[in-house]
N, C-alpha and C. Protein backbone atom coordinates (compact mmCIF):
# COMPACT_ATOMS: atom_id res chain seq x y z
N MET A 1 0.92 -1.14 0.15
CA MET A 1 0.02 -0.09 0.03
C MET A 1 1.03 1.31 -0.10
N ASN A 2 0.81 2.28 -1.00
CA ASN A 2 1.49 3.33 -1.03
C ASN A 2 1.01 4.41 -0.09
N ARG A 3 1.74 5.45 0.15
CA ARG A 3 1.58 6.54 1.15
C ARG A 3 -0.03 6.99 0.86
N LYS A 4 -0.21 7.30 -0.31
CA LYS A 4 -1.56 7.92 -0.78
C LYS A 4 -2.61 7.12 -0.27
N GLN A 5 -2.52 6.04 -0.47
CA GLN A 5 -3.72 5.04 -0.29
C GLN A 5 -3.66 4.70 1.41
N TRP A 6 -2.54 4.70 2.06
CA TRP A 6 -2.54 4.63 3.46
C TRP A 6 -3.28 5.79 4.09
N ILE A 7 -2.96 7.00 3.60
CA ILE A 7 -3.59 8.32 4.05
C ILE A 7 -5.09 8.35 3.96
N THR A 8 -5.53 7.95 2.69
CA THR A 8 -6.81 7.82 2.36
C THR A 8 -7.64 6.83 3.18
N LEU A 9 -7.07 5.62 3.47
CA LEU A 9 -7.64 4.66 4.53
C LEU A 9 -7.84 5.17 5.96
N VAL A 10 -6.71 5.78 6.21
CA VAL A 10 -6.81 6.43 7.67
C VAL A 10 -7.81 7.56 7.85
N LEU A 11 -7.92 8.40 6.80
CA LEU A 11 -8.99 9.45 6.73
C LEU A 11 -10.34 8.70 6.81
N VAL A 12 -10.64 7.79 6.02
CA VAL A 12 -12.01 7.34 5.93
C VAL A 12 -12.29 6.51 7.29
N ILE A 13 -11.36 5.93 7.99
CA ILE A 13 -11.61 5.25 9.22
C ILE A 13 -11.90 6.39 10.21
N PHE A 14 -11.17 7.45 10.18
CA PHE A 14 -11.41 8.52 11.09
C PHE A 14 -12.72 9.02 10.89
N PHE A 15 -13.29 9.32 9.64
CA PHE A 15 -14.51 10.15 9.21
C PHE A 15 -15.65 9.17 9.80
N VAL A 16 -15.45 7.92 9.61
CA VAL A 16 -16.54 6.88 10.01
C VAL A 16 -16.56 6.74 11.62
N VAL A 17 -15.45 6.70 12.10
CA VAL A 17 -15.48 6.67 13.69
C VAL A 17 -16.06 7.89 14.32
N THR A 18 -15.68 9.10 13.81
CA THR A 18 -16.32 10.32 14.45
C THR A 18 -17.50 10.73 14.04
N GLY A 19 -18.12 9.85 12.97
CA GLY A 19 -19.58 10.03 12.54
C GLY A 19 -19.65 11.17 11.52
N ILE A 20 -18.38 11.83 11.10
CA ILE A 20 -18.59 12.65 9.87
C ILE A 20 -19.40 11.93 8.54
N ILE A 21 -18.92 10.83 8.41
CA ILE A 21 -19.42 9.91 7.30
C ILE A 21 -20.11 8.78 8.05
N GLN A 22 -21.41 8.68 7.55
CA GLN A 22 -22.16 7.49 8.12
C GLN A 22 -22.52 6.40 6.89
N LEU A 23 -21.95 5.26 7.48
CA LEU A 23 -22.24 4.07 6.59
C LEU A 23 -23.59 3.68 6.43
N PRO A 24 -24.06 3.25 5.40
CA PRO A 24 -25.69 3.00 5.23
C PRO A 24 -25.99 1.79 6.08
N ALA A 25 -27.23 1.79 6.76
CA ALA A 25 -27.52 0.89 7.55
C ALA A 25 -27.95 -0.37 6.76
N ALA A 26 -27.96 -1.55 7.38
CA ALA A 26 -28.47 -2.67 6.59
C ALA A 26 -30.07 -2.49 6.61
N ASP A 27 -30.62 -2.95 5.54
CA ASP A 27 -32.20 -3.06 5.28
C ASP A 27 -32.62 -4.11 5.86
N ALA A 28 -33.54 -3.81 6.82
CA ALA A 28 -34.07 -4.81 7.70
C ALA A 28 -35.34 -5.59 6.85
N GLN A 29 -35.79 -4.94 5.74
CA GLN A 29 -36.73 -5.63 5.07
C GLN A 29 -36.16 -6.82 4.09
N GLN A 30 -34.92 -6.78 3.81
CA GLN A 30 -34.39 -7.70 2.83
C GLN A 30 -34.19 -9.22 3.51
N PRO A 31 -34.73 -10.18 2.85
CA PRO A 31 -34.77 -11.42 3.53
C PRO A 31 -33.33 -11.97 3.74
N ALA A 32 -33.00 -12.78 4.80
CA ALA A 32 -31.70 -13.15 5.03
C ALA A 32 -31.21 -14.24 3.96
N ASN A 33 -32.18 -15.02 3.27
CA ASN A 33 -31.94 -15.92 2.39
C ASN A 33 -32.02 -15.30 0.99
N ALA A 34 -31.85 -14.07 0.77
CA ALA A 34 -32.07 -13.60 -0.53
C ALA A 34 -30.81 -13.92 -1.55
N PRO A 35 -30.96 -14.13 -2.62
CA PRO A 35 -29.85 -14.52 -3.55
C PRO A 35 -28.98 -13.46 -3.94
N LEU A 36 -27.64 -13.72 -4.31
CA LEU A 36 -26.60 -12.74 -4.80
C LEU A 36 -27.08 -12.78 -6.30
N ILE A 37 -27.35 -11.39 -6.74
CA ILE A 37 -27.62 -11.35 -8.07
C ILE A 37 -26.23 -10.87 -8.99
N ILE A 38 -26.07 -11.45 -9.85
CA ILE A 38 -24.74 -11.27 -10.63
C ILE A 38 -25.08 -10.94 -12.21
N LEU A 39 -24.52 -9.99 -12.68
CA LEU A 39 -24.50 -9.59 -14.28
C LEU A 39 -23.42 -10.12 -14.76
N ARG A 40 -23.58 -11.19 -15.70
CA ARG A 40 -22.47 -11.70 -16.55
C ARG A 40 -22.98 -12.08 -17.78
N SER A 41 -22.18 -11.49 -18.81
CA SER A 41 -22.34 -11.61 -20.24
C SER A 41 -23.62 -11.01 -20.59
N GLY A 42 -24.19 -10.04 -19.95
CA GLY A 42 -25.36 -9.36 -20.41
C GLY A 42 -26.62 -9.89 -19.72
N ASP A 43 -26.50 -10.82 -18.96
CA ASP A 43 -27.59 -11.55 -18.52
C ASP A 43 -27.52 -11.62 -16.83
N PHE A 44 -28.59 -11.66 -16.03
CA PHE A 44 -28.63 -11.68 -14.69
C PHE A 44 -28.70 -13.04 -14.17
N TRP A 45 -27.93 -13.53 -13.24
CA TRP A 45 -27.96 -14.88 -12.54
C TRP A 45 -28.13 -14.62 -10.96
N ALA A 46 -28.83 -15.64 -10.56
CA ALA A 46 -29.09 -15.66 -9.12
C ALA A 46 -28.26 -16.70 -8.54
N TRP A 47 -27.49 -16.32 -7.33
CA TRP A 47 -26.69 -17.33 -6.53
C TRP A 47 -27.26 -17.49 -5.32
N THR A 48 -28.01 -18.58 -4.85
CA THR A 48 -28.84 -18.73 -3.75
C THR A 48 -27.88 -19.06 -2.50
N PRO A 49 -28.31 -18.90 -1.38
CA PRO A 49 -27.55 -19.30 0.03
C PRO A 49 -27.20 -20.95 -0.04
N GLU A 50 -27.99 -21.61 -0.79
CA GLU A 50 -27.78 -23.14 -0.96
C GLU A 50 -26.51 -23.36 -1.99
N GLY A 51 -25.98 -22.29 -2.67
CA GLY A 51 -24.98 -22.57 -3.48
C GLY A 51 -25.46 -22.90 -4.95
N VAL A 52 -26.73 -22.64 -5.31
CA VAL A 52 -27.41 -22.99 -6.62
C VAL A 52 -27.26 -21.60 -7.52
N LEU A 53 -26.62 -21.83 -8.66
CA LEU A 53 -26.57 -20.62 -9.61
C LEU A 53 -27.58 -20.93 -10.82
N GLN A 54 -28.39 -19.95 -10.95
CA GLN A 54 -29.57 -19.98 -12.00
C GLN A 54 -29.63 -18.76 -12.75
N GLN A 55 -29.70 -19.04 -14.04
CA GLN A 55 -29.88 -17.77 -14.91
C GLN A 55 -31.22 -17.38 -14.77
N ILE A 56 -31.44 -15.89 -14.74
CA ILE A 56 -32.68 -15.34 -14.70
C ILE A 56 -33.02 -14.77 -15.92
N THR A 57 -32.29 -13.93 -16.74
CA THR A 57 -32.62 -13.36 -17.87
C THR A 57 -31.81 -14.03 -19.04
N HIS A 58 -32.37 -14.06 -20.26
CA HIS A 58 -31.84 -14.73 -21.37
C HIS A 58 -31.76 -13.86 -22.60
N TRP A 59 -31.50 -12.45 -22.49
CA TRP A 59 -31.32 -11.70 -23.40
C TRP A 59 -29.95 -11.40 -23.77
N GLY A 60 -28.86 -11.30 -22.97
CA GLY A 60 -27.66 -11.25 -23.26
C GLY A 60 -27.24 -9.71 -23.51
N TYR A 61 -28.21 -8.84 -23.46
CA TYR A 61 -27.75 -7.22 -23.69
C TYR A 61 -28.24 -6.51 -22.55
N ASN A 62 -28.13 -6.90 -21.27
CA ASN A 62 -28.62 -6.09 -20.11
C ASN A 62 -27.18 -5.42 -19.58
N ASP A 63 -27.53 -4.29 -19.00
CA ASP A 63 -26.46 -3.62 -18.31
C ASP A 63 -26.94 -2.48 -17.38
N TRP A 64 -25.91 -1.97 -16.66
CA TRP A 64 -26.19 -0.79 -15.67
C TRP A 64 -27.34 -1.05 -14.71
N PRO A 65 -27.03 -2.26 -13.78
CA PRO A 65 -28.10 -2.47 -12.91
C PRO A 65 -28.03 -1.52 -11.82
N VAL A 66 -29.37 -1.12 -11.02
CA VAL A 66 -29.37 -0.30 -10.00
C VAL A 66 -30.33 -1.06 -9.00
N LEU A 67 -29.87 -1.37 -7.67
CA LEU A 67 -30.60 -1.93 -6.66
C LEU A 67 -31.51 -1.02 -5.93
N SER A 68 -32.77 -1.45 -5.82
CA SER A 68 -33.74 -0.50 -5.16
C SER A 68 -33.34 -0.52 -3.80
N PRO A 69 -33.95 0.65 -3.15
CA PRO A 69 -33.39 0.86 -1.75
C PRO A 69 -33.88 -0.11 -0.64
N ASP A 70 -35.05 -0.75 -1.04
CA ASP A 70 -35.51 -1.89 -0.07
C ASP A 70 -34.64 -3.36 -0.43
N GLY A 71 -33.77 -3.38 -1.51
CA GLY A 71 -33.11 -4.50 -1.94
C GLY A 71 -33.94 -5.66 -2.55
N MET A 72 -35.26 -5.40 -2.98
CA MET A 72 -35.98 -6.36 -3.53
C MET A 72 -36.31 -6.40 -5.03
N ARG A 73 -35.63 -5.18 -5.61
CA ARG A 73 -35.87 -5.23 -7.03
C ARG A 73 -34.47 -4.62 -7.73
N ILE A 74 -34.21 -4.81 -9.00
CA ILE A 74 -33.19 -4.33 -9.71
C ILE A 74 -33.74 -3.62 -10.87
N ALA A 75 -33.45 -2.40 -11.25
CA ALA A 75 -33.79 -1.57 -12.42
C ALA A 75 -32.52 -1.70 -13.32
N TYR A 76 -32.77 -1.77 -14.58
CA TYR A 76 -31.59 -1.93 -15.30
C TYR A 76 -31.82 -1.48 -16.96
N ASN A 77 -30.79 -1.10 -17.60
CA ASN A 77 -30.80 -0.91 -19.09
C ASN A 77 -30.86 -2.27 -19.71
N SER A 78 -31.64 -2.28 -20.92
CA SER A 78 -31.63 -3.49 -21.65
C SER A 78 -31.68 -2.93 -23.14
N TRP A 79 -30.72 -3.40 -23.94
CA TRP A 79 -30.57 -2.91 -25.47
C TRP A 79 -31.85 -3.22 -26.05
N ALA A 80 -32.26 -2.18 -26.80
CA ALA A 80 -33.51 -2.47 -27.62
C ALA A 80 -33.20 -3.30 -28.81
N GLN A 81 -34.23 -3.85 -29.35
CA GLN A 81 -34.12 -4.80 -30.39
C GLN A 81 -33.26 -4.26 -31.61
N ILE A 82 -33.72 -2.97 -31.83
CA ILE A 82 -33.04 -2.24 -32.94
C ILE A 82 -31.51 -1.84 -32.70
N THR A 83 -31.18 -1.97 -31.54
CA THR A 83 -29.63 -1.89 -31.32
C THR A 83 -29.06 -3.32 -31.74
N VAL A 84 -29.53 -4.27 -31.02
CA VAL A 84 -29.16 -5.60 -31.41
C VAL A 84 -29.06 -5.86 -32.99
N ASP A 85 -30.22 -5.30 -33.62
CA ASP A 85 -30.19 -5.47 -35.11
C ASP A 85 -29.12 -4.71 -35.78
N ALA A 86 -28.68 -3.51 -35.30
CA ALA A 86 -27.49 -2.81 -35.73
C ALA A 86 -26.24 -3.48 -35.62
N VAL A 87 -26.03 -4.10 -34.47
CA VAL A 87 -24.84 -4.70 -33.98
C VAL A 87 -24.74 -5.98 -35.11
N THR A 88 -25.84 -6.69 -35.16
CA THR A 88 -25.92 -7.87 -35.92
C THR A 88 -25.60 -7.72 -37.58
N ALA A 89 -25.91 -6.23 -38.02
CA ALA A 89 -25.76 -5.92 -39.19
C ALA A 89 -24.28 -5.43 -39.43
N GLY A 90 -23.60 -5.58 -38.40
CA GLY A 90 -22.05 -5.08 -38.58
C GLY A 90 -21.92 -3.63 -38.29
N LYS A 91 -22.76 -2.94 -37.81
CA LYS A 91 -22.65 -1.49 -37.45
C LYS A 91 -21.86 -1.40 -36.03
N SER A 92 -20.97 -0.32 -36.16
CA SER A 92 -20.19 -0.13 -34.94
C SER A 92 -20.97 0.76 -33.88
N VAL A 93 -21.47 0.13 -32.88
CA VAL A 93 -22.33 0.92 -31.96
C VAL A 93 -21.46 1.15 -30.66
N ILE A 94 -21.28 2.41 -30.45
CA ILE A 94 -20.50 2.65 -29.25
C ILE A 94 -21.26 3.93 -28.42
N GLY A 95 -20.91 4.05 -27.25
CA GLY A 95 -21.74 5.06 -26.36
C GLY A 95 -22.98 4.67 -26.02
N LEU A 96 -23.84 5.71 -25.68
CA LEU A 96 -25.16 5.35 -25.37
C LEU A 96 -25.84 4.68 -26.59
N THR A 97 -26.63 3.84 -26.26
CA THR A 97 -27.37 3.16 -27.35
C THR A 97 -29.01 3.14 -27.00
N PRO A 98 -29.90 2.93 -28.10
CA PRO A 98 -31.19 2.79 -27.69
C PRO A 98 -31.49 1.60 -26.91
N SER A 99 -31.95 1.95 -25.69
CA SER A 99 -32.15 0.73 -24.79
C SER A 99 -33.57 1.03 -24.13
N ASN A 100 -33.99 0.03 -23.49
CA ASN A 100 -35.26 -0.02 -22.59
C ASN A 100 -34.92 -0.12 -21.16
N ILE A 101 -35.90 0.28 -20.44
CA ILE A 101 -35.51 0.08 -18.84
C ILE A 101 -36.55 -1.09 -18.47
N GLU A 102 -35.99 -1.97 -17.60
CA GLU A 102 -36.55 -3.23 -17.13
C GLU A 102 -36.48 -3.25 -15.68
N LEU A 103 -37.37 -3.97 -15.07
CA LEU A 103 -37.44 -3.99 -13.62
C LEU A 103 -37.38 -5.61 -13.24
N LEU A 104 -36.39 -6.03 -12.53
CA LEU A 104 -36.30 -7.39 -12.05
C LEU A 104 -36.80 -7.62 -10.42
N ASP A 105 -37.87 -8.43 -10.19
CA ASP A 105 -38.32 -8.59 -8.92
C ASP A 105 -37.33 -9.83 -8.32
N ILE A 106 -36.55 -9.56 -7.49
CA ILE A 106 -35.47 -10.63 -7.15
C ILE A 106 -36.17 -11.91 -6.61
N ALA A 107 -37.24 -11.79 -5.69
CA ALA A 107 -37.73 -12.96 -5.03
C ALA A 107 -38.51 -13.76 -6.11
N SER A 108 -39.24 -13.27 -7.22
CA SER A 108 -39.95 -14.05 -8.07
C SER A 108 -39.24 -14.32 -9.52
N GLY A 109 -38.27 -13.40 -9.76
CA GLY A 109 -37.46 -13.56 -10.95
C GLY A 109 -38.38 -12.92 -12.15
N ALA A 110 -39.49 -12.36 -11.91
CA ALA A 110 -40.25 -11.67 -12.98
C ALA A 110 -39.63 -10.42 -13.34
N VAL A 111 -39.63 -10.27 -14.82
CA VAL A 111 -39.01 -9.00 -15.24
C VAL A 111 -40.28 -8.30 -15.99
N SER A 112 -40.15 -6.98 -15.65
CA SER A 112 -41.42 -6.01 -16.05
C SER A 112 -40.62 -4.91 -17.11
N LEU A 113 -41.25 -4.73 -18.25
CA LEU A 113 -40.89 -3.68 -18.95
C LEU A 113 -41.38 -2.35 -18.43
N VAL A 114 -40.37 -1.36 -18.14
CA VAL A 114 -40.88 -0.12 -17.77
C VAL A 114 -40.91 1.10 -18.64
N ALA A 115 -39.95 1.09 -19.57
CA ALA A 115 -39.94 2.19 -20.57
C ALA A 115 -39.21 1.42 -21.92
N ASP A 116 -40.15 1.38 -23.01
CA ASP A 116 -39.86 0.91 -24.22
C ASP A 116 -39.50 1.86 -25.25
N GLN A 117 -38.99 1.44 -26.41
CA GLN A 117 -38.59 2.31 -27.47
C GLN A 117 -40.10 2.83 -28.16
N PRO A 118 -40.18 3.98 -28.71
CA PRO A 118 -41.53 4.53 -29.23
C PRO A 118 -41.75 3.52 -30.46
N ALA A 119 -43.09 3.63 -30.81
CA ALA A 119 -43.44 2.73 -31.99
C ALA A 119 -42.71 3.22 -33.25
N GLY A 120 -42.19 2.39 -34.15
CA GLY A 120 -41.61 2.71 -35.25
C GLY A 120 -40.05 3.34 -35.18
N ALA A 121 -39.61 3.09 -33.98
CA ALA A 121 -38.16 3.74 -33.81
C ALA A 121 -37.12 3.10 -34.71
N SER A 122 -36.25 3.94 -35.11
CA SER A 122 -35.09 3.51 -36.03
C SER A 122 -33.87 3.72 -35.40
N PHE A 123 -32.83 2.84 -35.91
CA PHE A 123 -31.42 3.26 -35.49
C PHE A 123 -30.48 2.57 -36.38
N MET A 124 -29.66 3.37 -36.93
CA MET A 124 -28.38 3.11 -37.80
C MET A 124 -28.91 2.30 -39.02
N ILE A 125 -30.00 2.77 -39.69
CA ILE A 125 -30.55 2.14 -40.94
C ILE A 125 -30.15 3.24 -41.92
N ASP A 126 -29.25 2.82 -42.78
CA ASP A 126 -29.16 3.70 -44.14
C ASP A 126 -30.24 4.26 -44.57
N GLY A 127 -30.08 5.62 -44.87
CA GLY A 127 -31.08 6.38 -45.50
C GLY A 127 -32.42 6.84 -44.52
N VAL A 128 -32.38 6.29 -43.23
CA VAL A 128 -33.50 6.47 -42.41
C VAL A 128 -32.97 7.34 -41.22
N ASP A 129 -33.61 8.35 -40.79
CA ASP A 129 -33.26 9.16 -39.41
C ASP A 129 -33.34 8.48 -38.40
N ASP A 130 -32.49 8.39 -37.44
CA ASP A 130 -32.57 7.83 -36.15
C ASP A 130 -33.67 8.37 -35.33
N THR A 131 -34.49 7.57 -34.87
CA THR A 131 -35.65 7.96 -33.96
C THR A 131 -35.78 7.31 -32.65
N ALA A 132 -34.72 6.68 -32.32
CA ALA A 132 -34.78 5.85 -31.10
C ALA A 132 -34.41 6.74 -29.92
N VAL A 133 -34.71 6.07 -28.61
CA VAL A 133 -34.47 6.86 -27.35
C VAL A 133 -33.32 6.24 -26.76
N MET A 134 -32.39 7.19 -26.41
CA MET A 134 -31.04 6.55 -25.94
C MET A 134 -31.31 6.76 -24.39
N ARG A 135 -30.90 5.83 -23.56
CA ARG A 135 -31.09 5.87 -22.25
C ARG A 135 -29.84 5.31 -21.52
């Protein structure tokens, strides 16, 4: 550990001990047997306390998960079909992409679409204006 890392660690410990920085409290509503959710290769997997790994989503283009404050749901970006079509067609897709927002209920594994692309949205089609929503 170099000097800068050491000083940073000491300051963080000092601020936590003195109460200047408060660590978030554990959420009492989250069940003790809640699975660990893993994002791997664009899909979510659940690792249960029993050691079982189960794939939850099967899209392959999910990213940017955010855990709800109660620890029961995950909101995330999911590439829109028009983005996948552009990649499949050999287009170079970088940066923000047309995507949808989905919500994963951890307990049930149910996925809900929260925000979709508008009807008739287009992206990277030669001779057609892009009308997709980037999220």
